[in-house]
Amino acid sequence: APPNVRGLSIQTIGRLCKNLNFADYASRIIHPLARVLDCPEPHELREDSMQTLCQLVYQLGSDYAIFIPMIGKVMSRRDIQYPAYETLITRLLKNQPLNPDATTGTATNTDVPTEDTPVNSSGEVVKKLKVNELSLQKAWETSQRSTKEDWNEWIRRFSIELLRESP
């Protein structure tokens, strides 16, 4: 797959970690991320991989401990420095609480889309458009409609109003 698709996939896994429990799939996610980190070429995927690993560390907690040596070897072999990950691992090994804001930086960074932020297929944040709800409410009104002609006129007006309010 092209690097941009791979990057978006890795970012998606990281965002899903905030809402879904990946404990049963940890090995199937972490091993491919380790292979991505171990590749000499796609350096642009390392940042996304490390952020996703941080999300997994936060979610899995002490269950992540079995993956620390493997990821540590890859990071030392490829000379990867990622302070947020290292802080998380240090806290995990010392049985200290894991703070998502201080470790990953994603919770306070407004440039990073969250799971509530709409994102299009190219990874760009989609801005929400304003809709005039009052005009749609008026068009939606169906009282005093009884004949076929009344309903045809209603659907025509409602369709026009929907088109006016659509982006």
C-alpha atoms as a PDB file:
ATOM      1  CA  ALA A   1       0.000   0.000   0.000  1.00  0.00           C
ATOM      2  CA  PRO A   2       1.182   3.588  -0.594  1.00  0.00           C
ATOM      3  CA  PRO A   3       2.782   5.315   2.416  1.00  0.00           C
ATOM      4  CA  ASN A   4      -0.090   7.818   2.794  1.00  0.00           C
ATOM      5  CA  VAL A   5      -2.642   4.982   3.036  1.00  0.00           C
ATOM      6  CA  ARG A   6      -0.426   3.151   5.508  1.00  0.00           C
ATOM      7  CA  GLY A   7      -0.059   6.352   7.554  1.00  0.00           C
ATOM      8  CA  LEU A   8      -3.803   6.940   7.631  1.00  0.00           C
ATOM      9  CA  SER A   9      -4.342   3.315   8.670  1.00  0.00           C
ATOM     10  CA  ILE A  10      -1.890   3.645  11.541  1.00  0.00           C
ATOM     11  CA  GLN A  11      -3.484   6.934  12.631  1.00  0.00           C
ATOM     12  CA  THR A  12      -6.928   5.322  12.516  1.00  0.00           C
ATOM     13  CA  ILE A  13      -5.799   2.488  14.785  1.00  0.00           C
ATOM     14  CA  GLY A  14      -4.434   5.104  17.197  1.00  0.00           C
ATOM     15  CA  ARG A  15      -7.725   7.009  17.221  1.00  0.00           C
ATOM     16  CA  LEU A  16      -9.745   3.829  17.649  1.00  0.00           C
ATOM     17  CA  CYS A  17      -7.629   2.952  20.693  1.00  0.00           C
ATOM     18  CA  LYS A  18      -9.371   5.777  22.529  1.00  0.00           C
ATOM     19  CA  ASN A  19     -12.789   4.144  22.114  1.00  0.00           C
ATOM     20  CA  LEU A  20     -12.280   0.417  21.542  1.00  0.00           C
ATOM     21  CA  ASN A  21     -10.582  -2.220  23.647  1.00  0.00           C
ATOM     22  CA  PHE A  22      -7.775  -3.750  21.593  1.00  0.00           C
ATOM     23  CA  ALA A  23      -6.467  -6.047  24.326  1.00  0.00           C
ATOM     24  CA  ASP A  24      -7.377  -9.179  22.334  1.00  0.00           C
ATOM     25  CA  TYR A  25      -5.674  -7.802  19.213  1.00  0.00           C
ATOM     26  CA  ALA A  26      -2.608  -6.232  20.823  1.00  0.00           C
ATOM     27  CA  SER A  27      -0.129  -8.700  19.368  1.00  0.00           C
ATOM     28  CA  ARG A  28      -1.665  -8.433  15.894  1.00  0.00           C
ATOM     29  CA  ILE A  29      -1.324  -4.642  16.033  1.00  0.00           C
ATOM     30  CA  ILE A  30       2.004  -4.200  17.829  1.00  0.00           C
ATOM     31  CA  HIS A  31       4.072  -6.682  15.786  1.00  0.00           C
ATOM     32  CA  PRO A  32       3.257  -4.990  12.442  1.00  0.00           C
ATOM     33  CA  LEU A  33       3.977  -1.601  14.022  1.00  0.00           C
ATOM     34  CA  ALA A  34       7.361  -2.969  15.120  1.00  0.00           C
ATOM     35  CA  ARG A  35       8.036  -4.064  11.523  1.00  0.00           C
ATOM     36  CA  VAL A  36       7.112  -0.571  10.297  1.00  0.00           C
ATOM     37  CA  LEU A  37       9.549   0.925  12.802  1.00  0.00           C
ATOM     38  CA  ASP A  38      12.245  -1.533  11.722  1.00  0.00           C
ATOM     39  CA  CYS A  39      12.042  -0.584   8.037  1.00  0.00           C
ATOM     40  CA  PRO A  40      14.875   1.704   6.936  1.00  0.00           C
ATOM     41  CA  GLU A  41      12.857   3.570   4.290  1.00  0.00           C
ATOM     42  CA  PRO A  42       9.443   4.949   5.397  1.00  0.00           C
ATOM     43  CA  HIS A  43      10.577   7.418   8.043  1.00  0.00           C
ATOM     44  CA  GLU A  44       7.284   9.321   7.704  1.00  0.00           C
ATOM     45  CA  LEU A  45       5.424   6.363   9.215  1.00  0.00           C
ATOM     46  CA  ARG A  46       7.558   6.264  12.358  1.00  0.00           C
ATOM     47  CA  GLU A  47       5.843   9.224  14.010  1.00  0.00           C
ATOM     48  CA  ASP A  48       2.390   7.722  13.423  1.00  0.00           C
ATOM     49  CA  SER A  49       3.578   4.307  14.616  1.00  0.00           C
ATOM     50  CA  MET A  50       5.056   5.729  17.802  1.00  0.00           C
ATOM     51  CA  GLN A  51       1.901   7.733  18.559  1.00  0.00           C
ATOM     52  CA  THR A  52      -0.203   4.612  18.050  1.00  0.00           C
ATOM     53  CA  LEU A  53       2.126   2.622  20.307  1.00  0.00           C
ATOM     54  CA  CYS A  54       1.709   5.321  22.966  1.00  0.00           C
ATOM     55  CA  GLN A  55      -2.060   4.983  22.701  1.00  0.00           C
ATOM     56  CA  LEU A  56      -1.752   1.216  23.047  1.00  0.00           C
ATOM     57  CA  VAL A  57       0.527   1.540  26.090  1.00  0.00           C
ATOM     58  CA  TYR A  58      -2.008   3.830  27.701  1.00  0.00           C
ATOM     59  CA  GLN A  59      -4.892   1.473  26.907  1.00  0.00           C
ATOM     60  CA  LEU A  60      -3.214  -1.838  27.753  1.00  0.00           C
ATOM     61  CA  GLY A  61      -1.332  -0.664  30.828  1.00  0.00           C
ATOM     62  CA  SER A  62       0.646  -3.470  32.446  1.00  0.00           C
ATOM     63  CA  ASP A  63      -0.430  -5.922  29.715  1.00  0.00           C
ATOM     64  CA  TYR A  64       1.872  -4.007  27.355  1.00  0.00           C
ATOM     65  CA  ALA A  65       4.938  -5.011  29.391  1.00  0.00           C
ATOM     66  CA  ILE A  66       5.571  -8.146  27.314  1.00  0.00           C
ATOM     67  CA  PHE A  67       6.096  -5.999  24.197  1.00  0.00           C
ATOM     68  CA  ILE A  68       8.598  -3.575  25.769  1.00  0.00           C
ATOM     69  CA  PRO A  69      11.752  -5.623  24.985  1.00  0.00           C
ATOM     70  CA  MET A  70      10.785  -6.162  21.346  1.00  0.00           C
ATOM     71  CA  ILE A  71       9.960  -2.489  20.696  1.00  0.00           C
ATOM     72  CA  GLY A  72      13.053  -1.458  22.680  1.00  0.00           C
ATOM     73  CA  LYS A  73      15.301  -3.568  20.426  1.00  0.00           C
ATOM     74  CA  VAL A  74      13.788  -2.070  17.285  1.00  0.00           C
ATOM     75  CA  MET A  75      14.110   1.459  18.655  1.00  0.00           C
ATOM     76  CA  SER A  76      17.760   0.947  19.587  1.00  0.00           C
ATOM     77  CA  ARG A  77      18.569  -0.784  16.283  1.00  0.00           C
ATOM     78  CA  ARG A  78      17.072   2.085  14.248  1.00  0.00           C
ATOM     79  CA  ASP A  79      18.174   4.781  16.719  1.00  0.00           C
ATOM     80  CA  ILE A  80      14.596   5.968  17.295  1.00  0.00           C
ATOM     81  CA  GLN A  81      14.105   8.500  20.075  1.00  0.00           C
ATOM     82  CA  TYR A  82      10.527   9.186  21.156  1.00  0.00           C
ATOM     83  CA  PRO A  83      10.345  10.885  24.562  1.00  0.00           C
ATOM     84  CA  ALA A  84       6.589  10.398  25.012  1.00  0.00           C
ATOM     85  CA  TYR A  85       6.918   6.633  24.559  1.00  0.00           C
ATOM     86  CA  GLU A  86       9.949   6.445  26.818  1.00  0.00           C
ATOM     87  CA  THR A  87       8.106   8.403  29.527  1.00  0.00           C
ATOM     88  CA  LEU A  88       5.146   6.040  29.270  1.00  0.00           C
ATOM     89  CA  ILE A  89       7.353   2.963  29.533  1.00  0.00           C
ATOM     90  CA  THR A  90       9.207   4.404  32.518  1.00  0.00           C
ATOM     91  CA  ARG A  91       5.908   5.121  34.299  1.00  0.00           C
ATOM     92  CA  LEU A  92       4.568   1.697  33.384  1.00  0.00           C
ATOM     93  CA  LEU A  93       7.626  -0.105  34.747  1.00  0.00           C
ATOM     94  CA  LYS A  94       7.509   1.936  37.965  1.00  0.00           C
ATOM     95  CA  ASN A  95       3.775   1.239  38.369  1.00  0.00           C
ATOM     96  CA  GLN A  96       2.981   4.942  38.192  1.00  0.00           C
ATOM     97  CA  PRO A  97      -0.317   6.215  36.749  1.00  0.00           C
ATOM     98  CA  LEU A  98      -0.320   6.845  33.014  1.00  0.00           C
ATOM     99  CA  ASN A  99      -1.455  10.364  32.097  1.00  0.00           C
ATOM    100  CA  PRO A 100      -2.628  10.584  28.446  1.00  0.00           C
ATOM    101  CA  ASP A 101      -2.217  14.386  28.213  1.00  0.00           C
ATOM    102  CA  ALA A 102       1.382  14.425  29.392  1.00  0.00           C
ATOM    103  CA  THR A 103       2.555  11.357  27.493  1.00  0.00           C
ATOM    104  CA  THR A 104       1.155  11.480  23.983  1.00  0.00           C
ATOM    105  CA  GLY A 105       0.414  15.152  23.595  1.00  0.00           C
ATOM    106  CA  THR A 106      -2.563  14.300  21.411  1.00  0.00           C
ATOM    107  CA  ALA A 107      -5.227  15.219  23.937  1.00  0.00           C
ATOM    108  CA  THR A 108      -4.125  18.838  24.098  1.00  0.00           C
ATOM    109  CA  ASN A 109      -2.968  19.281  20.494  1.00  0.00           C
ATOM    110  CA  THR A 110      -5.774  20.891  18.519  1.00  0.00           C
ATOM    111  CA  ASP A 111      -4.120  20.134  15.158  1.00  0.00           C
ATOM    112  CA  VAL A 112      -4.591  16.402  15.639  1.00  0.00           C
ATOM    113  CA  PRO A 113      -8.092  15.236  14.707  1.00  0.00           C
ATOM    114  CA  THR A 114      -9.968  13.409  17.436  1.00  0.00           C
ATOM    115  CA  GLU A 115     -12.546  10.707  16.990  1.00  0.00           C
ATOM    116  CA  ASP A 116     -15.273  13.401  16.948  1.00  0.00           C
ATOM    117  CA  THR A 117     -13.562  15.407  14.211  1.00  0.00           C
ATOM    118  CA  PRO A 118     -14.771  14.548  10.702  1.00  0.00           C
ATOM    119  CA  VAL A 119     -11.897  13.616   8.380  1.00  0.00           C
ATOM    120  CA  ASN A 120     -12.141  13.086   4.613  1.00  0.00           C
ATOM    121  CA  SER A 121     -10.385  10.323   2.668  1.00  0.00           C
ATOM    122  CA  SER A 122      -7.187  12.347   2.210  1.00  0.00           C
ATOM    123  CA  GLY A 123      -6.844  12.961   5.956  1.00  0.00           C
ATOM    124  CA  GLU A 124      -7.899  16.610   5.911  1.00  0.00           C
ATOM    125  CA  VAL A 125     -10.171  17.901   8.655  1.00  0.00           C
ATOM    126  CA  VAL A 126     -13.639  18.681   7.320  1.00  0.00           C
ATOM    127  CA  LYS A 127     -15.151  21.893   8.635  1.00  0.00           C
ATOM    128  CA  LYS A 128     -18.747  21.736   9.838  1.00  0.00           C
ATOM    129  CA  LEU A 129     -21.118  23.916   7.866  1.00  0.00           C
ATOM    130  CA  LYS A 130     -23.890  26.023   9.379  1.00  0.00           C
ATOM    131  CA  VAL A 131     -27.459  24.988   8.642  1.00  0.00           C
ATOM    132  CA  ASN A 132     -30.492  27.180   9.072  1.00  0.00           C
ATOM    133  CA  GLU A 133     -32.528  24.829  11.237  1.00  0.00           C
ATOM    134  CA  LEU A 134     -35.502  27.192  11.457  1.00  0.00           C
ATOM    135  CA  SER A 135     -36.094  27.194   7.695  1.00  0.00           C
ATOM    136  CA  LEU A 136     -35.814  23.398   7.608  1.00  0.00           C
ATOM    137  CA  GLN A 137     -38.268  23.150  10.482  1.00  0.00           C
ATOM    138  CA  LYS A 138     -40.774  25.307   8.597  1.00  0.00           C
ATOM    139  CA  ALA A 139     -40.349  23.227   5.464  1.00  0.00           C
ATOM    140  CA  TRP A 140     -40.732  20.009   7.468  1.00  0.00           C
ATOM    141  CA  GLU A 141     -44.136  21.080   8.824  1.00  0.00           C
ATOM    142  CA  THR A 142     -46.795  18.691   7.522  1.00  0.00           C
ATOM    143  CA  SER A 143     -49.945  19.941   9.209  1.00  0.00           C
ATOM    144  CA  GLN A 144     -53.023  20.489   7.042  1.00  0.00           C
ATOM    145  CA  ARG A 145     -51.800  18.217   4.253  1.00  0.00           C
ATOM    146  CA  SER A 146     -54.557  15.918   3.077  1.00  0.00           C
ATOM    147  CA  THR A 147     -54.698  15.606  -0.693  1.00  0.00           C
ATOM    148  CA  LYS A 148     -52.193  14.181  -3.087  1.00  0.00           C
ATOM    149  CA  GLU A 149     -51.556  17.655  -4.497  1.00  0.00           C
ATOM    150  CA  ASP A 150     -50.859  19.012  -0.990  1.00  0.00           C
ATOM    151  CA  TRP A 151     -48.312  16.279  -0.349  1.00  0.00           C
ATOM    152  CA  ASN A 152     -46.683  16.771  -3.770  1.00  0.00           C
ATOM    153  CA  GLU A 153     -46.367  20.490  -3.076  1.00  0.00           C
ATOM    154  CA  TRP A 154     -44.947  19.739   0.392  1.00  0.00           C
ATOM    155  CA  ILE A 155     -42.298  17.357  -0.947  1.00  0.00           C
ATOM    156  CA  ARG A 156     -41.346  19.851  -3.676  1.00  0.00           C
ATOM    157  CA  ARG A 157     -40.909  22.707  -1.179  1.00  0.00           C
ATOM    158  CA  PHE A 158     -39.086  20.482   1.282  1.00  0.00           C
ATOM    159  CA  SER A 159     -36.717  19.257  -1.434  1.00  0.00           C
ATOM    160  CA  ILE A 160     -35.966  22.821  -2.492  1.00  0.00           C
ATOM    161  CA  GLU A 161     -35.248  23.826   1.107  1.00  0.00           C
ATOM    162  CA  LEU A 162     -32.947  20.832   1.590  1.00  0.00           C
ATOM    163  CA  LEU A 163     -31.049  21.821  -1.539  1.00  0.00           C
ATOM    164  CA  ARG A 164     -30.742  25.408  -0.302  1.00  0.00           C
ATOM    165  CA  GLU A 165     -29.299  24.286   3.023  1.00  0.00           C
ATOM    166  CA  SER A 166     -26.982  21.639   1.630  1.00  0.00           C
ATOM    167  CA  PRO A 167     -23.288  22.518   1.138  1.00  0.00           C
END
